[in-house]
Protein backbone atom coordinates (compact mmCIF):
# COMPACT_ATOMS: atom_id res chain seq x y z
CA UNK A 1 -142.72 6.99 -34.02
CA UNK A 2 -146.13 8.54 -34.39
CA UNK A 3 -146.98 11.40 -32.03
CA UNK A 4 -147.55 10.60 -28.37
CA UNK A 5 -150.94 9.05 -27.64
CA UNK A 6 -153.61 11.10 -25.92
CA UNK A 7 -156.32 9.93 -23.55
CA UNK A 8 -158.82 9.53 -26.38
CA UNK A 9 -156.46 6.87 -27.82
CA UNK A 10 -157.03 4.58 -24.82
CA UNK A 11 -157.20 1.62 -25.01
CA UNK A 12 -154.51 1.46 -27.67
CA UNK A 13 -155.36 -2.14 -28.55
CA UNK A 14 -158.77 -0.96 -29.76
CA UNK A 15 -158.16 2.61 -30.93
CA UNK A 16 -154.64 2.37 -32.39
CA UNK A 17 -153.68 -1.30 -32.63
CA UNK A 18 -151.29 -0.53 -35.50
CA UNK A 19 -148.96 1.08 -32.94
CA UNK A 20 -148.55 -2.13 -30.98
CA UNK A 21 -146.11 -4.87 -31.99
CA UNK A 22 -144.81 -8.06 -30.46
CA UNK A 23 -141.13 -8.41 -29.52
CA UNK A 24 -140.50 -10.18 -32.85
CA UNK A 25 -142.24 -7.43 -34.81
CA UNK A 26 -145.68 -8.92 -35.49
CA UNK A 27 -148.52 -6.41 -35.48
CA UNK A 28 -150.87 -6.72 -32.51
CA UNK A 29 -153.71 -7.71 -34.88
CA UNK A 30 -151.62 -10.65 -36.14
CA UNK A 31 -151.66 -12.33 -32.73
CA UNK A 32 -154.52 -14.75 -33.29
CA UNK A 33 -155.29 -18.32 -32.31
CA UNK A 34 -154.83 -19.31 -35.95
CA UNK A 35 -151.36 -17.72 -36.04
CA UNK A 36 -150.42 -19.56 -32.85
CA UNK A 37 -151.65 -22.90 -34.21
CA UNK A 38 -149.68 -22.30 -37.41
CA UNK A 39 -146.55 -21.55 -35.39
CA UNK A 40 -146.32 -17.98 -36.69
CA UNK A 41 -146.75 -16.54 -33.19
CA UNK A 42 -144.85 -18.00 -30.24
CA UNK A 43 -144.94 -17.53 -26.47
CA UNK A 44 -142.20 -14.91 -26.70
CA UNK A 45 -144.56 -12.83 -28.87
CA UNK A 46 -146.92 -12.55 -25.92
CA UNK A 47 -144.44 -10.50 -23.91
CA UNK A 48 -145.03 -6.78 -23.64
CA UNK A 49 -142.56 -4.52 -25.41
CA UNK A 50 -140.75 -1.51 -24.04
CA UNK A 51 -142.40 0.57 -26.75
CA UNK A 52 -145.91 -0.46 -25.62
CA UNK A 53 -145.05 0.33 -22.01
CA UNK A 54 -143.67 3.73 -23.03
CA UNK A 55 -146.94 4.46 -24.86
CA UNK A 56 -148.82 3.52 -21.68
CA UNK A 57 -146.54 5.88 -19.74
CA UNK A 58 -147.53 8.75 -22.05
CA UNK A 59 -151.20 7.96 -21.46
CA UNK A 60 -150.73 7.82 -17.68
CA UNK A 61 -148.91 11.16 -17.71
CA UNK A 62 -151.66 12.68 -19.86
CA UNK A 63 -154.19 11.45 -17.29
CA UNK A 64 -152.30 13.26 -14.52
CA UNK A 65 -150.82 10.09 -13.00
CA UNK A 66 -147.06 10.79 -12.92
CA UNK A 67 -146.22 7.95 -10.51
CA UNK A 68 -147.95 5.41 -12.75
CA UNK A 69 -146.16 6.89 -15.77
CA UNK A 70 -142.81 6.47 -14.00
CA UNK A 71 -143.69 2.85 -13.15
CA UNK A 72 -144.47 2.18 -16.82
CA UNK A 73 -141.16 3.78 -17.83
CA UNK A 74 -139.21 1.59 -15.41
CA UNK A 75 -141.09 -1.43 -16.73
CA UNK A 76 -140.22 -0.37 -20.29
CA UNK A 77 -136.54 -0.44 -19.33
CA UNK A 78 -136.95 -3.94 -17.92
CA UNK A 79 -138.67 -5.34 -21.03
CA UNK A 80 -135.32 -6.44 -22.47
CA UNK A 81 -133.74 -7.54 -19.19
CA UNK A 82 -133.57 -11.33 -18.74
CA UNK A 83 -135.98 -12.75 -16.18
CA UNK A 84 -133.11 -14.15 -14.11
CA UNK A 85 -131.66 -10.64 -13.67
CA UNK A 86 -135.07 -9.20 -12.79
CA UNK A 87 -135.59 -11.88 -10.14
CA UNK A 88 -132.10 -11.22 -8.74
CA UNK A 89 -132.90 -7.50 -8.40
CA UNK A 90 -136.33 -8.27 -6.93
CA UNK A 91 -134.83 -10.56 -4.31
CA UNK A 92 -132.02 -8.12 -3.48
CA UNK A 93 -134.53 -5.28 -2.95
CA UNK A 94 -136.26 -7.13 -0.15
CA UNK A 95 -135.09 -5.57 3.12
CA UNK A 96 -132.09 -7.30 4.65
CA UNK A 97 -131.35 -9.46 1.60
CA UNK A 98 -128.41 -7.53 0.12
CA UNK A 99 -125.64 -5.28 1.29
CA UNK A 100 -125.35 -1.69 0.15
CA UNK A 101 -122.41 -2.70 -2.06
CA UNK A 102 -124.45 -5.52 -3.64
CA UNK A 103 -127.30 -3.14 -4.42
CA UNK A 104 -124.87 -0.62 -5.93
CA UNK A 105 -123.38 -3.41 -8.06
CA UNK A 106 -126.85 -4.37 -9.30
CA UNK A 107 -127.62 -0.71 -10.09
CA UNK A 108 -124.36 -0.42 -12.02
CA UNK A 109 -125.18 -3.58 -13.98
CA UNK A 110 -128.65 -2.31 -14.87
CA UNK A 111 -127.15 0.90 -16.23
CA UNK A 112 -124.14 -0.60 -17.97
CA UNK A 113 -125.60 -3.80 -19.40
CA UNK A 114 -129.21 -2.80 -20.10
CA UNK A 115 -129.30 1.03 -20.20
CA UNK A 116 -131.94 0.83 -17.44
CA UNK A 117 -131.11 4.19 -15.85
CA UNK A 118 -134.46 4.69 -14.10
CA UNK A 119 -134.31 1.22 -12.58
CA UNK A 120 -130.74 1.77 -11.44
CA UNK A 121 -131.78 5.02 -9.76
CA UNK A 122 -134.64 3.16 -8.05
CA UNK A 123 -132.23 0.51 -6.69
CA UNK A 124 -129.88 3.23 -5.43
CA UNK A 125 -132.78 5.05 -3.73
CA UNK A 126 -133.78 1.81 -2.02
CA UNK A 127 -130.20 1.23 -0.88
CA UNK A 128 -130.02 4.76 0.52
CA UNK A 129 -133.25 4.21 2.45
CA UNK A 130 -132.22 0.78 3.75
CA UNK A 131 -128.80 1.88 4.92
CA UNK A 132 -129.64 5.38 6.14
CA UNK A 133 -128.09 6.20 9.48
CA UNK A 134 -130.76 6.75 12.13
CA UNK A 135 -131.15 10.32 13.34
CA UNK A 136 -129.28 10.95 16.56
């Protein structure tokens, strides 16, 4: 991969479009109405890739926004996770919707099945906060 983007590279779609690809490998510039009408580009090509989100994370970090960078990095991990799994995790993270064991199981699945270590850590942190014993 080319060196990490810097703030002057933002927005990547205008300044470095050659770095952006669709999930099926099309270059960003190849996503046109004509390509859609010809069937060369499909709906799945309109999804963001983990690589694009990681590039955005580098830009956010360079701009001094570490929390936004971490959000982009978690999103990059989720780019390959099926929507059904994402919705399951989303629902389970709502307070009172899942037990501590269920959240731990989801975190383990994210790590094991999708290599989504940051997301698994986030789920575990939520579980710890939800099930923390009140101070005496």
